[in-house]
Amino acid sequence: MVEAHNEQDPQVSPTHYVIKWNPRREPAEKWLAIAEEHGTWSEPRPGKRVALFDWYETRTDNGYTYSLRRVMRVIERTIDQHGQQLLVPEVTIEGWWTSLTFDEATIIALYADPDAPPRHRAKRRRIRTVMQELMDLAARLIHTGRRLKLAFGSGCRVVPIFRRLYEQLAWT
């Protein structure tokens, strides 16, 4: 799934990332125009159009030039979720910086997949919050038979996630 790092090739990133882009003061209309030209549009319901596309940028830092990929999602609504017609279309922009080469929908799905059980409904889960919740788990460290075991409470909802992460990261 993730390509290996090649020590001889400085262009290959040693780690891969998917980071949410903060649009700050970026005009949504500019990205709507770019989406009209470069995006792949879909209409999940009447009055809502969604465009997905890539945007590549080249930056220079300390004499080193590198290329960045941003996966963009532009949503244009002319009818709200309750069926009310809008006088002016509502445009929402979202973006993710990434080094992965998957298609746009897969990148967005990967970012939206911190599978920790939420304490409350939220639009997004920050990776720092997910890590903090895993570190703050109540557990007992049991020494038995020359082994160390970690025992969680019987009603702990995070155990399957912790077990999956441990199996991915543990030495075999």
N, C-alpha and C. Protein backbone atom coordinates (compact mmCIF):
# COMPACT_ATOMS: atom_id res chain seq x y z
N MET A 1 0.82 -1.19 0.00
CA MET A 1 0.00 0.00 0.00
C MET A 1 0.87 1.26 0.00
N VAL A 2 1.87 1.32 0.87
CA VAL A 2 2.77 2.47 0.92
C VAL A 2 4.11 2.05 0.37
N GLU A 3 4.62 2.82 -0.55
CA GLU A 3 5.86 2.45 -1.20
C GLU A 3 7.05 2.62 -0.25
N ALA A 4 8.08 1.83 -0.45
CA ALA A 4 9.26 1.85 0.41
C ALA A 4 10.14 3.05 0.09
N HIS A 5 10.94 3.45 1.07
CA HIS A 5 11.85 4.58 0.90
C HIS A 5 13.14 4.11 0.27
N ASN A 6 13.58 4.83 -0.74
CA ASN A 6 14.81 4.51 -1.42
C ASN A 6 15.89 5.48 -0.92
N GLU A 7 16.93 4.96 -0.26
CA GLU A 7 17.97 5.79 0.33
C GLU A 7 18.73 6.62 -0.70
N GLN A 8 18.85 6.13 -1.95
CA GLN A 8 19.62 6.84 -2.96
C GLN A 8 18.81 7.95 -3.63
N ASP A 9 17.50 7.88 -3.60
CA ASP A 9 16.67 8.85 -4.29
C ASP A 9 16.14 9.89 -3.32
N PRO A 10 16.66 11.14 -3.36
CA PRO A 10 16.20 12.15 -2.42
C PRO A 10 14.80 12.66 -2.71
N GLN A 11 14.25 12.35 -3.89
CA GLN A 11 12.91 12.82 -4.23
C GLN A 11 11.81 11.99 -3.56
N VAL A 12 12.13 10.74 -3.14
CA VAL A 12 11.14 9.87 -2.52
C VAL A 12 11.06 10.22 -1.05
N SER A 13 9.86 10.48 -0.58
CA SER A 13 9.66 10.85 0.82
C SER A 13 9.81 9.62 1.71
N PRO A 14 10.55 9.72 2.85
CA PRO A 14 10.71 8.56 3.72
C PRO A 14 9.42 8.20 4.45
N THR A 15 8.53 9.15 4.65
CA THR A 15 7.23 8.89 5.26
C THR A 15 6.17 9.55 4.40
N HIS A 16 4.98 9.01 4.47
CA HIS A 16 3.88 9.56 3.70
C HIS A 16 2.94 10.30 4.65
N TYR A 17 2.22 11.25 4.12
CA TYR A 17 1.38 12.07 4.97
C TYR A 17 0.10 12.46 4.24
N VAL A 18 -0.93 12.74 5.05
CA VAL A 18 -2.18 13.34 4.59
C VAL A 18 -2.51 14.38 5.66
N ILE A 19 -2.44 15.66 5.28
CA ILE A 19 -2.63 16.75 6.22
C ILE A 19 -3.75 17.65 5.71
N LYS A 20 -4.65 18.02 6.60
CA LYS A 20 -5.75 18.91 6.23
C LYS A 20 -5.20 20.29 5.91
N TRP A 21 -5.67 20.86 4.80
CA TRP A 21 -5.25 22.19 4.37
C TRP A 21 -6.20 23.22 4.97
N ASN A 22 -5.64 24.30 5.49
CA ASN A 22 -6.44 25.38 6.05
C ASN A 22 -6.58 26.48 5.00
N PRO A 23 -7.78 26.71 4.47
CA PRO A 23 -7.93 27.68 3.39
C PRO A 23 -7.75 29.14 3.81
N ARG A 24 -7.84 29.44 5.10
CA ARG A 24 -7.70 30.80 5.64
C ARG A 24 -8.48 31.81 4.81
N ARG A 25 -7.78 32.69 4.13
CA ARG A 25 -8.45 33.76 3.38
C ARG A 25 -8.53 33.45 1.89
N GLU A 26 -8.48 32.20 1.53
CA GLU A 26 -8.58 31.82 0.12
C GLU A 26 -10.02 32.05 -0.36
N PRO A 27 -10.21 32.73 -1.47
CA PRO A 27 -11.58 32.95 -1.98
C PRO A 27 -12.15 31.65 -2.56
N ALA A 28 -13.34 31.30 -2.11
CA ALA A 28 -13.99 30.08 -2.58
C ALA A 28 -14.31 30.16 -4.07
N GLU A 29 -14.59 31.36 -4.56
CA GLU A 29 -14.94 31.54 -5.97
C GLU A 29 -13.77 31.20 -6.88
N LYS A 30 -12.54 31.49 -6.43
CA LYS A 30 -11.34 31.14 -7.22
C LYS A 30 -11.26 29.62 -7.39
N TRP A 31 -11.47 28.89 -6.29
CA TRP A 31 -11.39 27.43 -6.36
C TRP A 31 -12.56 26.83 -7.11
N LEU A 32 -13.71 27.50 -7.09
CA LEU A 32 -14.85 27.04 -7.88
C LEU A 32 -14.52 27.13 -9.37
N ALA A 33 -13.88 28.23 -9.77
CA ALA A 33 -13.48 28.39 -11.18
C ALA A 33 -12.46 27.33 -11.59
N ILE A 34 -11.51 27.03 -10.71
CA ILE A 34 -10.51 26.00 -11.00
C ILE A 34 -11.18 24.63 -11.09
N ALA A 35 -12.15 24.38 -10.18
CA ALA A 35 -12.87 23.11 -10.20
C ALA A 35 -13.68 22.95 -11.48
N GLU A 36 -14.26 24.04 -11.97
CA GLU A 36 -15.03 23.97 -13.22
C GLU A 36 -14.14 23.53 -14.37
N GLU A 37 -12.87 23.93 -14.34
CA GLU A 37 -11.94 23.61 -15.42
C GLU A 37 -11.27 22.25 -15.25
N HIS A 38 -10.86 21.91 -13.99
CA HIS A 38 -10.05 20.72 -13.77
C HIS A 38 -10.76 19.59 -13.01
N GLY A 39 -11.90 19.87 -12.41
CA GLY A 39 -12.52 18.90 -11.51
C GLY A 39 -13.39 17.88 -12.19
N THR A 40 -13.60 16.78 -11.47
CA THR A 40 -14.55 15.75 -11.86
C THR A 40 -15.78 15.96 -10.99
N TRP A 41 -16.89 16.32 -11.62
CA TRP A 41 -18.08 16.70 -10.89
C TRP A 41 -19.04 15.51 -10.71
N SER A 42 -19.71 15.50 -9.56
CA SER A 42 -20.79 14.54 -9.30
C SER A 42 -21.92 15.30 -8.62
N GLU A 43 -23.12 14.74 -8.69
CA GLU A 43 -24.28 15.37 -8.07
C GLU A 43 -24.95 14.36 -7.14
N PRO A 44 -24.55 14.36 -5.83
CA PRO A 44 -25.11 13.37 -4.91
C PRO A 44 -26.60 13.56 -4.64
N ARG A 45 -27.11 14.78 -4.78
CA ARG A 45 -28.54 15.08 -4.64
C ARG A 45 -28.84 16.33 -5.46
N PRO A 46 -30.10 16.58 -5.78
CA PRO A 46 -30.42 17.79 -6.53
C PRO A 46 -30.00 19.04 -5.74
N GLY A 47 -29.34 19.95 -6.43
CA GLY A 47 -28.91 21.19 -5.81
C GLY A 47 -27.56 21.14 -5.13
N LYS A 48 -26.87 20.01 -5.21
CA LYS A 48 -25.54 19.88 -4.60
C LYS A 48 -24.60 19.23 -5.61
N ARG A 49 -23.54 19.96 -5.97
CA ARG A 49 -22.52 19.44 -6.87
C ARG A 49 -21.20 19.37 -6.13
N VAL A 50 -20.46 18.28 -6.35
CA VAL A 50 -19.17 18.07 -5.69
C VAL A 50 -18.12 17.80 -6.75
N ALA A 51 -17.01 18.56 -6.65
CA ALA A 51 -15.88 18.38 -7.58
C ALA A 51 -14.67 17.91 -6.80
N LEU A 52 -13.96 16.92 -7.36
CA LEU A 52 -12.70 16.44 -6.80
C LEU A 52 -11.61 16.64 -7.85
N PHE A 53 -10.45 17.13 -7.39
CA PHE A 53 -9.33 17.30 -8.33
C PHE A 53 -8.03 17.46 -7.55
N ASP A 54 -6.92 17.31 -8.28
CA ASP A 54 -5.57 17.51 -7.74
C ASP A 54 -5.10 18.91 -8.07
N TRP A 55 -4.28 19.48 -7.21
CA TRP A 55 -3.64 20.75 -7.50
C TRP A 55 -2.18 20.63 -7.08
N TYR A 56 -1.27 20.82 -8.00
CA TYR A 56 0.16 20.67 -7.72
C TYR A 56 0.81 22.04 -7.62
N GLU A 57 1.69 22.18 -6.65
CA GLU A 57 2.44 23.42 -6.45
C GLU A 57 3.92 23.08 -6.33
N THR A 58 4.76 24.00 -6.77
CA THR A 58 6.20 23.86 -6.62
C THR A 58 6.68 24.96 -5.70
N ARG A 59 7.44 24.58 -4.68
CA ARG A 59 7.96 25.56 -3.73
C ARG A 59 9.46 25.40 -3.61
N THR A 60 10.11 26.49 -3.19
CA THR A 60 11.56 26.49 -3.00
C THR A 60 11.87 26.91 -1.57
N ASP A 61 12.74 26.14 -0.91
CA ASP A 61 13.15 26.46 0.45
C ASP A 61 14.63 26.13 0.60
N ASN A 62 15.43 27.14 0.95
CA ASN A 62 16.87 26.98 1.12
C ASN A 62 17.54 26.36 -0.11
N GLY A 63 17.11 26.78 -1.28
CA GLY A 63 17.71 26.29 -2.52
C GLY A 63 17.19 24.94 -2.97
N TYR A 64 16.31 24.33 -2.21
CA TYR A 64 15.75 23.02 -2.56
C TYR A 64 14.35 23.24 -3.11
N THR A 65 14.09 22.74 -4.31
CA THR A 65 12.78 22.87 -4.94
C THR A 65 12.04 21.55 -4.79
N TYR A 66 10.82 21.63 -4.34
CA TYR A 66 10.02 20.41 -4.17
C TYR A 66 8.60 20.66 -4.64
N SER A 67 7.94 19.56 -4.98
CA SER A 67 6.58 19.61 -5.49
C SER A 67 5.61 19.11 -4.43
N LEU A 68 4.47 19.76 -4.31
CA LEU A 68 3.45 19.37 -3.35
C LEU A 68 2.15 19.05 -4.08
N ARG A 69 1.43 18.07 -3.57
CA ARG A 69 0.14 17.71 -4.14
C ARG A 69 -0.94 18.05 -3.14
N ARG A 70 -1.97 18.74 -3.62
CA ARG A 70 -3.11 19.06 -2.77
C ARG A 70 -4.35 18.45 -3.42
N VAL A 71 -5.07 17.63 -2.68
CA VAL A 71 -6.32 17.06 -3.15
C VAL A 71 -7.42 18.03 -2.71
N MET A 72 -8.25 18.45 -3.65
CA MET A 72 -9.27 19.45 -3.37
C MET A 72 -10.67 18.87 -3.56
N ARG A 73 -11.58 19.34 -2.69
CA ARG A 73 -13.00 19.04 -2.84
C ARG A 73 -13.75 20.37 -2.77
N VAL A 74 -14.48 20.69 -3.83
CA VAL A 74 -15.27 21.92 -3.89
C VAL A 74 -16.73 21.49 -3.95
N ILE A 75 -17.53 22.05 -3.04
CA ILE A 75 -18.96 21.72 -2.98
C ILE A 75 -19.76 22.98 -3.27
N GLU A 76 -20.64 22.90 -4.24
CA GLU A 76 -21.52 24.01 -4.59
C GLU A 76 -22.96 23.60 -4.31
N ARG A 77 -23.63 24.36 -3.43
CA ARG A 77 -25.02 24.07 -3.07
C ARG A 77 -25.93 25.18 -3.59
N THR A 78 -26.97 24.81 -4.31
CA THR A 78 -27.99 25.77 -4.74
C THR A 78 -29.31 25.50 -4.03
N ILE A 79 -29.41 24.32 -3.39
CA ILE A 79 -30.56 23.94 -2.57
C ILE A 79 -30.00 23.39 -1.27
N ASP A 80 -30.51 23.85 -0.12
CA ASP A 80 -29.98 23.36 1.15
C ASP A 80 -30.52 21.97 1.46
N GLN A 81 -30.09 21.40 2.58
CA GLN A 81 -30.44 20.00 2.90
C GLN A 81 -31.93 19.82 3.19
N HIS A 82 -32.65 20.91 3.44
CA HIS A 82 -34.08 20.81 3.71
C HIS A 82 -34.93 21.10 2.48
N GLY A 83 -34.28 21.33 1.32
CA GLY A 83 -35.00 21.57 0.08
C GLY A 83 -35.25 23.03 -0.23
N GLN A 84 -34.73 23.94 0.59
CA GLN A 84 -34.92 25.37 0.37
C GLN A 84 -33.96 25.88 -0.69
N GLN A 85 -34.49 26.56 -1.72
CA GLN A 85 -33.66 27.15 -2.77
C GLN A 85 -32.84 28.29 -2.18
N LEU A 86 -31.57 28.36 -2.55
CA LEU A 86 -30.69 29.44 -2.09
C LEU A 86 -30.64 30.52 -3.15
N LEU A 87 -30.66 31.79 -2.72
CA LEU A 87 -30.57 32.90 -3.68
C LEU A 87 -29.18 32.97 -4.31
N VAL A 88 -28.16 32.77 -3.47
CA VAL A 88 -26.77 32.78 -3.93
C VAL A 88 -26.19 31.40 -3.63
N PRO A 89 -25.55 30.76 -4.59
CA PRO A 89 -24.97 29.44 -4.32
C PRO A 89 -23.96 29.49 -3.18
N GLU A 90 -23.99 28.48 -2.34
CA GLU A 90 -23.04 28.36 -1.23
C GLU A 90 -21.90 27.46 -1.69
N VAL A 91 -20.65 27.96 -1.58
CA VAL A 91 -19.48 27.22 -2.03
C VAL A 91 -18.61 26.90 -0.82
N THR A 92 -18.27 25.62 -0.68
CA THR A 92 -17.40 25.16 0.40
C THR A 92 -16.16 24.53 -0.23
N ILE A 93 -14.97 24.88 0.31
CA ILE A 93 -13.73 24.29 -0.20
C ILE A 93 -13.03 23.55 0.92
N GLU A 94 -12.43 22.41 0.56
CA GLU A 94 -11.64 21.62 1.48
C GLU A 94 -10.42 21.12 0.71
N GLY A 95 -9.32 20.93 1.42
CA GLY A 95 -8.13 20.44 0.77
C GLY A 95 -7.25 19.65 1.72
N TRP A 96 -6.45 18.76 1.14
CA TRP A 96 -5.55 17.91 1.91
C TRP A 96 -4.21 17.84 1.20
N TRP A 97 -3.12 18.19 1.91
CA TRP A 97 -1.77 17.99 1.38
C TRP A 97 -1.43 16.52 1.54
N THR A 98 -0.83 15.92 0.53
CA THR A 98 -0.49 14.51 0.63
C THR A 98 0.72 14.15 -0.24
N SER A 99 1.39 13.09 0.18
CA SER A 99 2.48 12.54 -0.63
C SER A 99 2.06 11.22 -1.26
N LEU A 100 0.86 10.76 -0.96
CA LEU A 100 0.36 9.50 -1.51
C LEU A 100 -0.11 9.69 -2.95
N THR A 101 -0.10 8.60 -3.71
CA THR A 101 -0.47 8.67 -5.12
C THR A 101 -1.85 8.08 -5.40
N PHE A 102 -2.65 7.88 -4.37
CA PHE A 102 -3.99 7.33 -4.55
C PHE A 102 -4.89 8.39 -5.20
N ASP A 103 -6.07 7.93 -5.65
CA ASP A 103 -7.02 8.87 -6.23
C ASP A 103 -7.61 9.76 -5.13
N GLU A 104 -8.29 10.83 -5.55
CA GLU A 104 -8.76 11.85 -4.62
C GLU A 104 -9.72 11.31 -3.56
N ALA A 105 -10.66 10.47 -3.97
CA ALA A 105 -11.65 9.94 -3.03
C ALA A 105 -10.98 9.07 -1.96
N THR A 106 -9.96 8.31 -2.34
CA THR A 106 -9.24 7.47 -1.38
C THR A 106 -8.47 8.32 -0.38
N ILE A 107 -7.85 9.39 -0.83
CA ILE A 107 -7.11 10.29 0.07
C ILE A 107 -8.05 10.88 1.11
N ILE A 108 -9.22 11.34 0.67
CA ILE A 108 -10.20 11.93 1.60
C ILE A 108 -10.69 10.89 2.58
N ALA A 109 -10.93 9.67 2.11
CA ALA A 109 -11.37 8.59 3.00
C ALA A 109 -10.30 8.23 4.01
N LEU A 110 -9.03 8.22 3.59
CA LEU A 110 -7.95 7.93 4.53
C LEU A 110 -7.86 8.99 5.62
N TYR A 111 -8.03 10.25 5.26
CA TYR A 111 -7.97 11.31 6.27
C TYR A 111 -9.15 11.21 7.24
N ALA A 112 -10.31 10.84 6.73
CA ALA A 112 -11.51 10.79 7.56
C ALA A 112 -11.61 9.51 8.37
N ASP A 113 -10.55 8.71 8.44
CA ASP A 113 -10.62 7.40 9.09
C ASP A 113 -9.79 7.30 10.38
N PRO A 114 -9.78 8.30 11.34
CA PRO A 114 -9.25 7.97 12.68
C PRO A 114 -10.35 7.22 13.41
N ASP A 115 -10.26 5.90 13.48
CA ASP A 115 -11.37 5.06 13.91
C ASP A 115 -11.55 4.97 15.41
N ALA A 116 -11.06 5.93 16.17
CA ALA A 116 -11.28 5.95 17.61
C ALA A 116 -12.75 6.28 17.87
N PRO A 117 -13.35 5.64 18.87
CA PRO A 117 -14.75 5.94 19.14
C PRO A 117 -14.89 7.36 19.69
N PRO A 118 -15.76 8.15 19.13
CA PRO A 118 -15.88 9.55 19.56
C PRO A 118 -16.56 9.68 20.91
N ARG A 119 -16.08 10.67 21.68
CA ARG A 119 -16.73 10.98 22.95
C ARG A 119 -17.97 11.80 22.69
N HIS A 120 -17.97 12.56 21.64
CA HIS A 120 -19.10 13.39 21.26
C HIS A 120 -19.08 13.56 19.74
N ARG A 121 -20.20 13.97 19.21
CA ARG A 121 -20.27 14.18 17.75
C ARG A 121 -19.36 15.34 17.37
N ALA A 122 -18.54 15.11 16.36
CA ALA A 122 -17.65 16.16 15.89
C ALA A 122 -17.52 16.04 14.39
N LYS A 123 -17.22 17.15 13.73
CA LYS A 123 -17.06 17.11 12.28
C LYS A 123 -15.77 16.41 11.90
N ARG A 124 -14.75 16.56 12.72
CA ARG A 124 -13.48 15.91 12.41
C ARG A 124 -12.78 15.54 13.70
N ARG A 125 -11.84 14.61 13.59
CA ARG A 125 -11.08 14.15 14.74
C ARG A 125 -9.63 14.51 14.47
N ARG A 126 -9.04 15.28 15.34
CA ARG A 126 -7.63 15.62 15.20
C ARG A 126 -6.79 14.43 15.62
N ILE A 127 -5.70 14.20 14.89
CA ILE A 127 -4.83 13.06 15.19
C ILE A 127 -4.25 13.17 16.59
N ARG A 128 -3.98 14.40 17.05
CA ARG A 128 -3.46 14.59 18.41
C ARG A 128 -4.48 14.11 19.45
N THR A 129 -5.76 14.38 19.22
CA THR A 129 -6.80 13.94 20.15
C THR A 129 -6.89 12.42 20.18
N VAL A 130 -6.82 11.80 19.02
CA VAL A 130 -6.87 10.34 18.95
C VAL A 130 -5.69 9.73 19.69
N MET A 131 -4.49 10.28 19.48
CA MET A 131 -3.30 9.76 20.17
C MET A 131 -3.42 9.98 21.68
N GLN A 132 -3.92 11.14 22.10
CA GLN A 132 -4.06 11.42 23.53
C GLN A 132 -5.05 10.46 24.17
N GLU A 133 -6.15 10.16 23.48
CA GLU A 133 -7.13 9.23 24.03
C GLU A 133 -6.54 7.83 24.17
N LEU A 134 -5.69 7.41 23.23
CA LEU A 134 -5.05 6.10 23.35
C LEU A 134 -4.04 6.08 24.51
N MET A 135 -3.33 7.20 24.72
CA MET A 135 -2.33 7.25 25.79
C MET A 135 -2.97 7.35 27.17
N ASP A 136 -4.16 7.92 27.27
CA ASP A 136 -4.81 8.12 28.56
C ASP A 136 -5.73 6.97 28.97
N LEU A 137 -5.62 5.83 28.32
CA LEU A 137 -6.46 4.69 28.67
C LEU A 137 -6.10 4.14 30.05
N ALA A 138 -7.12 3.76 30.78
CA ALA A 138 -6.88 3.10 32.07
C ALA A 138 -6.61 1.62 31.80
N ALA A 139 -5.48 1.14 32.29
CA ALA A 139 -5.09 -0.26 32.08
C ALA A 139 -4.18 -0.69 33.22
N ARG A 140 -4.08 -2.01 33.39
CA ARG A 140 -3.15 -2.57 34.39
C ARG A 140 -2.03 -3.28 33.66
N LEU A 141 -0.82 -3.13 34.18
CA LEU A 141 0.33 -3.84 33.65
C LEU A 141 0.54 -5.06 34.53
N ILE A 142 0.38 -6.24 33.95
CA ILE A 142 0.45 -7.49 34.71
C ILE A 142 1.72 -8.23 34.31
N HIS A 143 2.51 -8.64 35.32
CA HIS A 143 3.71 -9.44 35.10
C HIS A 143 3.38 -10.88 35.47
N THR A 144 3.36 -11.76 34.48
CA THR A 144 3.05 -13.16 34.75
C THR A 144 3.80 -14.04 33.75
N GLY A 145 4.37 -15.12 34.27
CA GLY A 145 5.08 -16.08 33.41
C GLY A 145 6.19 -15.44 32.60
N ARG A 146 6.95 -14.58 33.19
CA ARG A 146 8.04 -13.85 32.52
C ARG A 146 7.58 -13.03 31.31
N ARG A 147 6.34 -12.61 31.35
CA ARG A 147 5.77 -11.77 30.29
C ARG A 147 5.06 -10.59 30.91
N LEU A 148 4.97 -9.54 30.16
CA LEU A 148 4.19 -8.39 30.56
C LEU A 148 2.92 -8.35 29.72
N LYS A 149 1.80 -8.15 30.39
CA LYS A 149 0.53 -8.06 29.69
C LYS A 149 -0.14 -6.76 30.08
N LEU A 150 -0.88 -6.21 29.16
CA LEU A 150 -1.63 -5.00 29.39
C LEU A 150 -3.10 -5.38 29.46
N ALA A 151 -3.76 -5.13 30.59
CA ALA A 151 -5.16 -5.50 30.79
C ALA A 151 -6.02 -4.25 30.84
N PHE A 152 -7.00 -4.18 29.94
CA PHE A 152 -7.93 -3.06 29.90
C PHE A 152 -9.21 -3.45 30.60
N GLY A 153 -10.03 -2.48 30.93
CA GLY A 153 -11.33 -2.76 31.53
C GLY A 153 -12.23 -3.49 30.54
N SER A 154 -13.23 -4.21 31.05
CA SER A 154 -14.08 -5.03 30.19
C SER A 154 -14.96 -4.19 29.26
N GLY A 155 -15.25 -2.96 29.63
CA GLY A 155 -16.11 -2.13 28.80
C GLY A 155 -15.36 -1.11 27.96
N CYS A 156 -14.05 -1.28 27.82
CA CYS A 156 -13.25 -0.30 27.09
C CYS A 156 -13.50 -0.43 25.58
N ARG A 157 -14.01 0.65 24.97
CA ARG A 157 -14.36 0.61 23.55
C ARG A 157 -13.16 0.76 22.64
N VAL A 158 -12.00 1.10 23.19
CA VAL A 158 -10.82 1.38 22.38
C VAL A 158 -9.93 0.15 22.20
N VAL A 159 -10.23 -0.95 22.89
CA VAL A 159 -9.39 -2.14 22.83
C VAL A 159 -9.19 -2.65 21.40
N PRO A 160 -10.23 -2.78 20.56
CA PRO A 160 -9.99 -3.26 19.19
C PRO A 160 -9.04 -2.36 18.41
N ILE A 161 -9.13 -1.06 18.60
CA ILE A 161 -8.25 -0.13 17.91
C ILE A 161 -6.83 -0.26 18.42
N PHE A 162 -6.69 -0.33 19.74
CA PHE A 162 -5.38 -0.48 20.34
C PHE A 162 -4.73 -1.79 19.88
N ARG A 163 -5.51 -2.86 19.83
CA ARG A 163 -5.00 -4.16 19.40
C ARG A 163 -4.54 -4.11 17.94
N ARG A 164 -5.33 -3.47 17.08
CA ARG A 164 -4.96 -3.35 15.67
C ARG A 164 -3.67 -2.55 15.51
N LEU A 165 -3.55 -1.42 16.22
CA LEU A 165 -2.33 -0.62 16.15
C LEU A 165 -1.13 -1.38 16.69
N TYR A 166 -1.31 -2.11 17.77
CA TYR A 166 -0.22 -2.89 18.34
C TYR A 166 0.26 -3.95 17.35
N GLU A 167 -0.68 -4.65 16.72
CA GLU A 167 -0.30 -5.68 15.75
C GLU A 167 0.42 -5.11 14.55
N GLN A 168 0.07 -3.88 14.15
CA GLN A 168 0.74 -3.24 13.03
C GLN A 168 2.16 -2.79 13.40
N LEU A 169 2.33 -2.36 14.65
CA LEU A 169 3.61 -1.77 15.06
C LEU A 169 4.54 -2.72 15.81
N ALA A 170 4.02 -3.81 16.36
CA ALA A 170 4.82 -4.72 17.17
C ALA A 170 5.77 -5.52 16.30
N TRP A 171 6.90 -5.86 16.89
CA TRP A 171 7.85 -6.71 16.18
C TRP A 171 7.33 -8.13 16.18
N THR A 172 7.49 -8.80 15.05
CA THR A 172 7.03 -10.19 14.99
C THR A 172 8.19 -11.15 14.91
